[in-house]
Amino acid sequence: MSHPVIRVERLSKCYRLGEVSTGTLVHDANRWWHRLRGKPDPYAKIGANNKPTVTDTDLWALDDVNFEVNQGEIVGILGRNGAGKSTLLKILSRITTPTHGVAKVRGRLASLLEVGTGFHPELTGRENIFLNGAILGMSHAEVAAKFDEIAAFAGVEQFLGTPVKRYSSGMYVRLAFSVAAHLEPDVLVVDEVLAVGDADFQKRCIDRMDAVAKTGRTVLFVSHNLGAVEALCNTVIRLSGGKLAAHSHDVAGEIARYLAATDRDSGTDLPLALSHEITLEKFEASPSQVRQGKPVRIDVTLNSNRATRLTDCALIILDLKGTRIAVVDPRMDGSVPVKLSEGKFHLSFDIKSVPFVPGTYKIGIYVVADMTRHSTMNLVEVTVLEDSVSNFVPYPVEHRGLVNLDFEVHQGL
């Protein structure tokens, strides 16, 4: 029988916008003195939930959240930006404290919430592995026994003597995840940082988290890649506006409900500042509904406030679960890199034959220039329709995979 390793009861977290702490040193000292003596906050107004009265400057990142997580569960945490996911993980990881309620974790917890969490930039990769092991309560011998496996998984063996401040973001996150996943925590907490890695590394991370759970340990997984959540997780916690919207073992159903809620308020307003030098002014798909095998055009207009060099400007195509389906890379035909003058620059992407099965797909953009590195994943949606009406009944869409193949069948004896 599995036992709860995480228990969250009436958990709330309030941030006061525009102010640091209570606003006066006297109030801060008085509040600290009351807390030290086990007394209630002298400036909290008692309400139904024994929380301070909400004012225009108060933001409740979490509001009266309750749930339990059992040993061995892989829990996907869903929610839009600002729903409270990161705040929840920070409270569980003891990075921040709740305003109200409790969050209890049984056993050793390892968290990977940001690139390089717990790393010291001046120390080498080797030193940071041992430092993180010590933070997790591991002995030097225990870390040494796992050292080669950690380094091999991260793929940074030749850079272990280099200070991690010189690592690329990809190297940084590979090593950080490898340390967190291999030092045998009872609870592993992973936020969206896996987006930094390439497809092969993401697959290895998912396989590793699955292996961690099969040994009876627990994983909390936050990702906008809903395909990975559906494939990996056996439980879903869905947050909305700081409140618990759902806690269910029906992973596919909760993902569908999350997508339905997100679709009611999706899209990105243009113009969109990609950096202080480049603005995305136009991003349009024509037509927005296209039949299989037919062409579609994506028109892009960038506006640069200085002469610069555009190194990359790729289209990213995803399904509604956030799984990357294809990349349209203009570097392949020599359209990019290109020198940009100050002002507007236009690119038209002509996809000659859409191969996707019927459904709705999101298209975003990835732009790299001298001082810009930015991606936005949900700029337009394109709906793919059946090619034509035929005299046979095809497989249902959900059983067709992702693409249609151009094929022939030859018969013979």
Protein backbone atom coordinates (compact mmCIF):
# COMPACT_ATOMS: atom_id res chain seq x y z
CA MET A 1 0.00 0.00 0.00
CA SER A 2 1.40 3.39 -1.02
CA HIS A 3 1.67 6.16 1.53
CA PRO A 4 1.36 9.95 1.10
CA VAL A 5 4.78 11.54 0.70
CA ILE A 6 3.35 15.04 0.07
CA ARG A 7 0.44 16.53 1.98
CA VAL A 8 -0.79 20.05 1.17
CA GLU A 9 -3.46 21.53 3.42
CA ARG A 10 -5.18 24.90 2.92
CA LEU A 11 -2.04 26.21 1.23
CA SER A 12 -2.07 29.89 0.26
CA LYS A 13 0.61 32.34 -0.82
CA CYS A 14 0.09 36.09 -1.07
CA TYR A 15 2.47 38.55 -2.71
CA ARG A 16 2.10 42.24 -2.01
CA LEU A 17 2.67 44.09 -5.27
CA GLY A 18 4.73 47.24 -5.27
CA GLU A 19 5.92 46.88 -1.67
CA VAL A 20 8.72 45.04 0.08
CA SER A 21 7.62 43.20 3.26
CA THR A 22 5.07 45.16 5.33
CA GLY A 23 6.16 48.63 4.33
CA THR A 24 7.86 49.75 7.60
CA LEU A 25 10.76 48.44 9.65
CA VAL A 26 8.72 48.72 12.85
CA HIS A 27 5.95 46.54 11.40
CA ASP A 28 8.50 44.00 10.15
CA ALA A 29 10.15 43.77 13.58
CA ASN A 30 6.80 43.49 15.36
CA ARG A 31 5.61 40.76 12.97
CA TRP A 32 8.88 38.84 13.47
CA TRP A 33 8.57 39.09 17.29
CA HIS A 34 5.02 37.77 17.23
CA ARG A 35 5.99 34.91 14.94
CA LEU A 36 8.96 34.02 17.17
CA ARG A 37 6.62 33.67 20.15
CA GLY A 38 4.10 31.64 18.18
CA LYS A 39 1.62 34.53 18.12
CA PRO A 40 -0.59 35.42 15.13
CA ASP A 41 0.37 38.16 12.71
CA PRO A 42 -0.65 41.44 14.43
CA TYR A 43 -1.43 43.05 11.05
CA ALA A 44 -3.55 40.21 9.64
CA LYS A 45 -7.27 40.85 9.61
CA ILE A 46 -9.18 37.74 10.58
CA GLY A 47 -11.47 36.44 7.86
CA ALA A 48 -13.19 33.22 6.91
CA ASN A 49 -9.88 31.54 6.05
CA ASN A 50 -7.86 33.37 8.70
CA LYS A 51 -5.98 35.23 5.98
CA PRO A 52 -5.22 38.95 5.58
CA THR A 53 -7.94 40.90 3.80
CA VAL A 54 -7.17 41.20 0.10
CA THR A 55 -6.39 44.71 -1.12
CA ASP A 56 -5.63 46.07 -4.57
CA THR A 57 -1.92 45.42 -3.96
CA ASP A 58 -2.31 41.77 -2.90
CA LEU A 59 -1.85 38.91 -5.36
CA TRP A 60 -2.82 35.41 -4.20
CA ALA A 61 -0.53 33.12 -6.20
CA LEU A 62 -2.08 30.15 -4.35
CA ASP A 63 -5.45 30.17 -2.61
CA ASP A 64 -6.60 27.36 -0.28
CA VAL A 65 -5.00 24.44 -2.17
CA ASN A 66 -5.42 20.91 -0.77
CA PHE A 67 -4.11 17.58 -2.11
CA GLU A 68 -2.01 14.50 -1.31
CA VAL A 69 0.57 12.70 -3.44
CA ASN A 70 1.34 9.05 -2.79
CA GLN A 71 4.67 7.31 -2.98
CA GLY A 72 5.66 6.28 -6.52
CA GLU A 73 3.28 8.63 -8.34
CA ILE A 74 4.39 10.70 -11.32
CA VAL A 75 2.33 13.87 -11.05
CA GLY A 76 1.96 16.30 -13.93
CA ILE A 77 1.13 19.85 -12.83
CA LEU A 78 -0.83 21.81 -15.43
CA GLY A 79 -1.82 25.44 -15.56
CA ARG A 80 -1.37 28.56 -17.59
CA ASN A 81 1.37 31.09 -16.81
CA GLY A 82 0.49 32.68 -13.48
CA ALA A 83 -1.66 29.76 -12.33
CA GLY A 84 0.61 29.14 -9.32
CA LYS A 85 2.67 26.15 -10.52
CA SER A 86 6.10 27.59 -9.78
CA THR A 87 4.97 29.05 -6.46
CA LEU A 88 3.71 25.62 -5.40
CA LEU A 89 7.00 23.96 -6.30
CA LYS A 90 9.02 26.65 -4.50
CA ILE A 91 7.00 26.12 -1.32
CA LEU A 92 7.45 22.35 -1.54
CA SER A 93 11.20 22.88 -2.12
CA ARG A 94 11.42 25.22 0.91
CA ILE A 95 12.56 28.12 -1.28
CA THR A 96 9.68 30.29 -0.10
CA THR A 97 7.23 30.04 2.79
CA PRO A 98 3.43 29.96 2.56
CA THR A 99 1.26 32.80 3.80
CA HIS A 100 -1.22 30.30 5.17
CA GLY A 101 -1.52 26.52 5.41
CA VAL A 102 1.11 23.80 5.36
CA ALA A 103 3.01 21.71 2.83
CA LYS A 104 4.60 18.57 4.27
CA VAL A 105 7.12 16.43 2.38
CA ARG A 106 8.30 13.08 3.74
CA GLY A 107 11.84 12.15 2.79
CA ARG A 108 14.58 13.82 0.78
CA LEU A 109 13.50 16.20 -1.99
CA ALA A 110 15.60 17.29 -5.00
CA SER A 111 14.30 20.16 -7.11
CA LEU A 112 15.26 21.49 -10.51
CA LEU A 113 13.26 24.71 -10.83
CA GLU A 114 15.64 26.93 -12.77
CA VAL A 115 18.73 26.40 -14.88
CA GLY A 116 21.54 25.77 -12.42
CA THR A 117 19.47 25.67 -9.25
CA GLY A 118 21.89 25.08 -6.38
CA PHE A 119 25.01 25.49 -8.52
CA HIS A 120 27.84 27.87 -7.67
CA PRO A 121 29.06 29.51 -10.90
CA GLU A 122 32.68 29.77 -9.76
CA LEU A 123 32.97 26.06 -8.94
CA THR A 124 33.74 23.41 -11.53
CA GLY A 125 31.26 20.84 -12.72
CA ARG A 126 32.96 18.20 -10.55
CA GLU A 127 32.82 20.40 -7.45
CA ASN A 128 29.17 21.26 -8.04
CA ILE A 129 28.23 17.59 -8.25
CA PHE A 130 29.69 16.99 -4.80
CA LEU A 131 28.22 20.26 -3.48
CA ASN A 132 24.71 19.29 -4.60
CA GLY A 133 25.16 15.83 -3.13
CA ALA A 134 26.08 17.35 0.21
CA ILE A 135 23.04 19.65 0.08
CA LEU A 136 20.87 16.56 -0.46
CA GLY A 137 22.46 14.89 2.57
CA MET A 138 24.62 12.44 0.62
CA SER A 139 28.04 11.40 1.87
CA HIS A 140 31.15 11.95 -0.25
CA ALA A 141 31.35 8.20 -0.87
CA GLU A 142 27.73 8.01 -2.03
CA VAL A 143 28.24 10.83 -4.54
CA ALA A 144 31.52 9.33 -5.74
CA ALA A 145 29.76 6.02 -6.44
CA LYS A 146 27.30 7.84 -8.75
CA PHE A 147 29.79 10.32 -10.19
CA ASP A 148 30.63 8.58 -13.48
CA GLU A 149 26.96 7.86 -14.18
CA ILE A 150 26.02 11.51 -13.55
CA ALA A 151 28.76 12.83 -15.83
CA ALA A 152 27.96 10.37 -18.62
CA PHE A 153 24.22 11.15 -18.53
CA ALA A 154 24.94 14.90 -18.75
CA GLY A 155 27.51 14.42 -21.53
CA VAL A 156 29.95 16.92 -19.99
CA GLU A 157 32.80 14.56 -19.04
CA GLN A 158 35.48 16.65 -20.76
CA PHE A 159 34.28 19.86 -19.07
CA LEU A 160 34.11 18.65 -15.47
CA GLY A 161 37.19 20.72 -14.55
CA THR A 162 35.68 23.91 -16.00
CA PRO A 163 33.75 26.44 -13.87
CA VAL A 164 30.06 26.05 -14.67
CA LYS A 165 29.76 29.79 -15.38
CA ARG A 166 31.46 28.98 -18.69
CA TYR A 167 28.90 26.28 -19.58
CA SER A 168 26.23 26.86 -22.19
CA SER A 169 22.65 26.85 -20.93
CA GLY A 170 22.21 23.37 -22.40
CA MET A 171 25.28 21.96 -20.61
CA TYR A 172 24.20 23.67 -17.39
CA VAL A 173 20.72 22.15 -17.36
CA ARG A 174 21.93 18.70 -18.43
CA LEU A 175 24.32 18.55 -15.49
CA ALA A 176 21.77 20.03 -13.06
CA PHE A 177 19.11 17.46 -14.05
CA SER A 178 21.60 14.60 -13.98
CA VAL A 179 22.68 15.45 -10.42
CA ALA A 180 19.09 15.84 -9.20
CA ALA A 181 17.91 12.60 -10.80
CA HIS A 182 20.85 10.34 -9.90
CA LEU A 183 21.34 11.15 -6.23
CA GLU A 184 18.27 9.11 -5.29
CA PRO A 185 15.87 11.65 -3.76
CA ASP A 186 12.56 10.44 -2.39
CA VAL A 187 10.81 13.23 -4.30
CA LEU A 188 12.09 14.71 -7.58
CA VAL A 189 10.66 18.09 -8.63
CA VAL A 190 11.25 19.17 -12.23
CA ASP A 191 10.02 22.43 -13.75
CA GLU A 192 9.97 23.56 -17.40
CA VAL A 193 13.78 23.74 -17.59
CA LEU A 194 13.88 20.59 -19.75
CA ALA A 195 12.87 22.80 -22.67
CA VAL A 196 16.52 23.90 -22.81
CA GLY A 197 17.72 20.46 -23.89
CA ASP A 198 17.53 18.88 -27.33
CA ALA A 199 15.05 16.14 -28.26
CA ASP A 200 17.44 13.30 -27.38
CA PHE A 201 18.18 14.76 -23.94
CA GLN A 202 14.48 15.34 -23.26
CA LYS A 203 13.77 11.70 -24.07
CA ARG A 204 16.54 10.55 -21.72
CA CYS A 205 15.16 12.82 -18.98
CA ILE A 206 11.67 11.40 -19.38
CA ASP A 207 13.06 7.85 -19.34
CA ARG A 208 15.04 8.70 -16.21
CA MET A 209 12.00 10.15 -14.42
CA ASP A 210 10.04 7.03 -15.34
CA ALA A 211 12.84 4.87 -13.90
CA VAL A 212 12.89 6.98 -10.71
CA ALA A 213 9.15 6.41 -10.22
CA LYS A 214 9.46 2.65 -10.83
CA THR A 215 11.83 2.42 -7.87
CA GLY A 216 9.04 3.72 -5.62
CA ARG A 217 10.08 7.35 -5.59
CA THR A 218 7.85 10.30 -6.51
CA VAL A 219 8.14 12.81 -9.37
CA LEU A 220 6.44 16.20 -9.73
CA PHE A 221 6.66 17.29 -13.36
CA VAL A 222 5.72 20.71 -14.77
CA SER A 223 5.80 21.03 -18.55
CA HIS A 224 3.90 22.71 -21.35
CA ASN A 225 4.69 19.65 -23.48
CA LEU A 226 1.38 17.93 -22.83
CA GLY A 227 2.40 14.92 -24.89
CA ALA A 228 5.22 14.25 -22.42
CA VAL A 229 2.84 14.76 -19.50
CA GLU A 230 0.35 12.26 -20.95
CA ALA A 231 3.05 9.70 -21.73
CA LEU A 232 4.84 9.95 -18.39
CA CYS A 233 2.34 10.87 -15.67
CA ASN A 234 -0.28 8.76 -13.90
CA THR A 235 -1.81 11.69 -12.00
CA VAL A 236 -2.56 15.31 -12.90
CA ILE A 237 -2.93 18.37 -10.69
CA ARG A 238 -4.48 21.30 -12.57
CA LEU A 239 -4.21 24.84 -11.19
CA SER A 240 -6.21 27.84 -12.34
CA GLY A 241 -5.86 31.31 -10.89
CA GLY A 242 -4.06 29.96 -7.82
CA LYS A 243 -6.84 27.48 -7.01
CA LEU A 244 -6.92 23.72 -7.38
CA ALA A 245 -9.08 23.07 -10.45
CA ALA A 246 -8.57 19.29 -10.54
CA HIS A 247 -6.62 16.42 -8.97
CA SER A 248 -7.26 13.29 -11.00
CA HIS A 249 -5.87 10.02 -12.35
CA ASP A 250 -7.69 10.74 -15.64
CA VAL A 251 -4.63 12.27 -17.29
CA ALA A 252 -5.99 12.38 -20.85
CA GLY A 253 -9.30 13.85 -19.69
CA GLU A 254 -7.66 16.60 -17.65
CA ILE A 255 -5.35 17.49 -20.53
CA ALA A 256 -8.41 17.81 -22.80
CA ARG A 257 -10.17 20.04 -20.25
CA TYR A 258 -7.02 22.14 -19.85
CA LEU A 259 -6.76 22.59 -23.63
CA ALA A 260 -10.44 23.53 -23.87
CA ALA A 261 -9.99 26.21 -21.20
CA THR A 262 -6.80 27.48 -22.83
CA ASP A 263 -8.31 27.66 -26.32
CA ARG A 264 -10.95 30.09 -25.08
CA ASP A 265 -8.21 32.65 -24.44
CA SER A 266 -5.30 31.81 -26.71
CA GLY A 267 -3.11 33.70 -29.11
CA THR A 268 -0.61 36.53 -28.84
CA ASP A 269 -1.25 40.18 -29.60
CA LEU A 270 0.98 41.90 -32.15
CA PRO A 271 3.19 43.85 -32.33
CA LEU A 272 5.26 41.72 -29.95
CA ALA A 273 8.66 42.88 -28.65
CA LEU A 274 11.10 39.98 -29.05
CA SER A 275 13.88 42.08 -27.50
CA HIS A 276 14.78 45.72 -27.18
CA GLU A 277 16.08 45.61 -30.78
CA ILE A 278 13.52 43.50 -32.71
CA THR A 279 9.71 43.57 -32.78
CA LEU A 280 7.45 41.02 -34.46
CA GLU A 281 4.85 43.09 -36.34
CA LYS A 282 3.13 40.51 -38.52
CA PHE A 283 2.60 36.76 -38.33
CA GLU A 284 -0.21 35.44 -40.50
CA ALA A 285 -1.17 32.09 -41.98
CA SER A 286 -3.02 31.94 -45.29
CA PRO A 287 -5.31 30.09 -45.48
CA SER A 288 -6.08 29.34 -41.83
CA GLN A 289 -7.92 26.18 -42.95
CA VAL A 290 -6.09 24.00 -45.43
CA ARG A 291 -6.73 20.57 -46.89
CA GLN A 292 -4.15 17.81 -46.61
CA GLY A 293 -1.56 18.02 -49.36
CA LYS A 294 -2.38 21.64 -50.20
CA PRO A 295 -0.06 24.66 -49.68
CA VAL A 296 -0.10 27.21 -46.88
CA ARG A 297 1.88 30.44 -46.52
CA ILE A 298 3.15 32.08 -43.33
CA ASP A 299 3.99 35.79 -43.68
CA VAL A 300 6.36 37.28 -41.11
CA THR A 301 7.38 40.92 -40.63
CA LEU A 302 10.15 41.93 -38.25
CA ASN A 303 11.05 45.50 -37.33
CA SER A 304 14.58 46.23 -36.12
CA ASN A 305 15.56 49.50 -34.46
CA ARG A 306 19.21 49.03 -35.48
CA ALA A 307 21.28 47.35 -38.16
CA THR A 308 21.85 43.79 -37.07
CA ARG A 309 22.48 40.26 -38.33
CA LEU A 310 19.56 37.83 -38.36
CA THR A 311 21.10 34.44 -37.62
CA ASP A 312 17.94 32.33 -37.44
CA CYS A 313 14.22 32.83 -38.00
CA ALA A 314 12.45 29.46 -37.92
CA LEU A 315 8.83 28.41 -37.75
CA ILE A 316 7.94 25.93 -34.98
CA ILE A 317 4.85 23.76 -35.60
CA LEU A 318 3.25 22.00 -32.63
CA ASP A 319 0.11 20.01 -32.00
CA LEU A 320 -2.39 21.12 -29.36
CA LYS A 321 -0.56 19.08 -26.70
CA GLY A 322 2.63 21.06 -27.27
CA THR A 323 4.50 18.29 -29.09
CA ARG A 324 6.85 19.68 -31.70
CA ILE A 325 5.76 18.34 -35.11
CA ALA A 326 8.08 20.15 -37.50
CA VAL A 327 10.50 23.05 -37.90
CA VAL A 328 10.65 25.19 -41.04
CA ASP A 329 14.29 26.36 -41.07
CA PRO A 330 15.13 29.05 -43.69
CA ARG A 331 18.84 28.38 -43.23
CA MET A 332 18.35 25.19 -45.27
CA ASP A 333 17.83 27.15 -48.51
CA GLY A 334 20.19 30.05 -47.66
CA SER A 335 17.47 32.62 -46.89
CA VAL A 336 18.99 33.17 -43.44
CA PRO A 337 21.49 34.35 -42.09
CA VAL A 338 21.04 37.82 -43.50
CA LYS A 339 22.07 41.36 -42.58
CA LEU A 340 19.16 43.52 -41.50
CA SER A 341 19.03 47.26 -41.99
CA GLU A 342 17.14 49.40 -39.54
CA GLY A 343 13.42 49.12 -40.27
CA LYS A 344 11.14 46.34 -41.51
CA PHE A 345 12.12 42.95 -42.92
CA HIS A 346 9.69 40.48 -44.52
CA LEU A 347 9.85 36.70 -44.81
CA SER A 348 7.29 34.46 -46.52
CA PHE A 349 7.34 30.74 -45.74
CA ASP A 350 5.64 28.65 -48.42
CA ILE A 351 4.85 25.13 -47.21
CA LYS A 352 4.13 23.43 -50.52
CA SER A 353 2.20 20.41 -49.26
CA VAL A 354 0.80 20.07 -45.76
CA PRO A 355 1.34 16.43 -44.67
CA PHE A 356 -0.41 16.50 -41.29
CA VAL A 357 -3.44 14.45 -40.32
CA PRO A 358 -6.67 16.43 -39.78
CA GLY A 359 -6.64 18.61 -36.70
CA THR A 360 -5.55 21.99 -35.36
CA TYR A 361 -1.89 22.95 -35.14
CA LYS A 362 -0.12 25.88 -33.50
CA ILE A 363 2.65 27.78 -35.27
CA GLY A 364 5.26 29.88 -33.50
CA ILE A 365 8.60 31.46 -34.27
CA TYR A 366 12.19 31.27 -33.06
CA VAL A 367 14.37 34.31 -33.76
CA VAL A 368 18.11 34.74 -33.17
CA ALA A 369 19.98 37.97 -33.94
CA ASP A 370 22.95 39.82 -32.44
CA MET A 371 21.14 40.74 -29.22
CA THR A 372 17.98 38.63 -29.61
CA ARG A 373 17.18 35.02 -28.77
CA HIS A 374 13.44 34.60 -28.45
CA SER A 375 10.76 31.98 -29.09
CA THR A 376 6.98 32.34 -29.03
CA MET A 377 5.06 29.12 -29.56
CA ASN A 378 1.42 30.12 -30.08
CA LEU A 379 1.06 32.89 -32.64
CA VAL A 380 -1.48 31.40 -35.05
CA GLU A 381 -3.50 28.22 -35.47
CA VAL A 382 -3.96 26.33 -38.72
CA THR A 383 -6.67 23.71 -39.12
CA VAL A 384 -5.94 20.81 -41.47
CA LEU A 385 -8.98 19.28 -43.18
CA GLU A 386 -9.48 15.92 -44.88
CA ASP A 387 -8.09 15.88 -48.42
CA SER A 388 -11.33 14.77 -50.03
CA VAL A 389 -14.34 12.58 -49.53
CA SER A 390 -13.60 9.02 -50.60
CA ASN A 391 -15.50 5.76 -50.71
CA PHE A 392 -13.74 4.19 -47.72
CA VAL A 393 -13.88 4.89 -44.02
CA PRO A 394 -10.41 5.94 -42.73
CA TYR A 395 -9.02 5.24 -39.31
CA PRO A 396 -10.19 7.73 -36.67
CA VAL A 397 -7.89 10.76 -36.49
CA GLU A 398 -6.52 9.84 -33.07
CA HIS A 399 -5.19 6.54 -34.50
CA ARG A 400 -3.46 7.96 -37.59
CA GLY A 401 -0.28 9.31 -36.03
CA LEU A 402 0.86 12.80 -37.02
CA VAL A 403 1.59 12.82 -40.77
CA ASN A 404 0.29 11.37 -43.98
CA LEU A 405 2.88 9.49 -46.04
CA ASP A 406 3.05 9.62 -49.83
CA PHE A 407 3.16 5.89 -50.64
CA GLU A 408 2.40 3.22 -53.21
CA VAL A 409 1.53 -0.45 -52.71
CA HIS A 410 2.69 -3.01 -55.27
CA GLN A 411 1.13 -6.46 -55.44
CA GLY A 412 2.67 -9.58 -56.79
CA LEU A 413 3.21 -13.28 -56.28
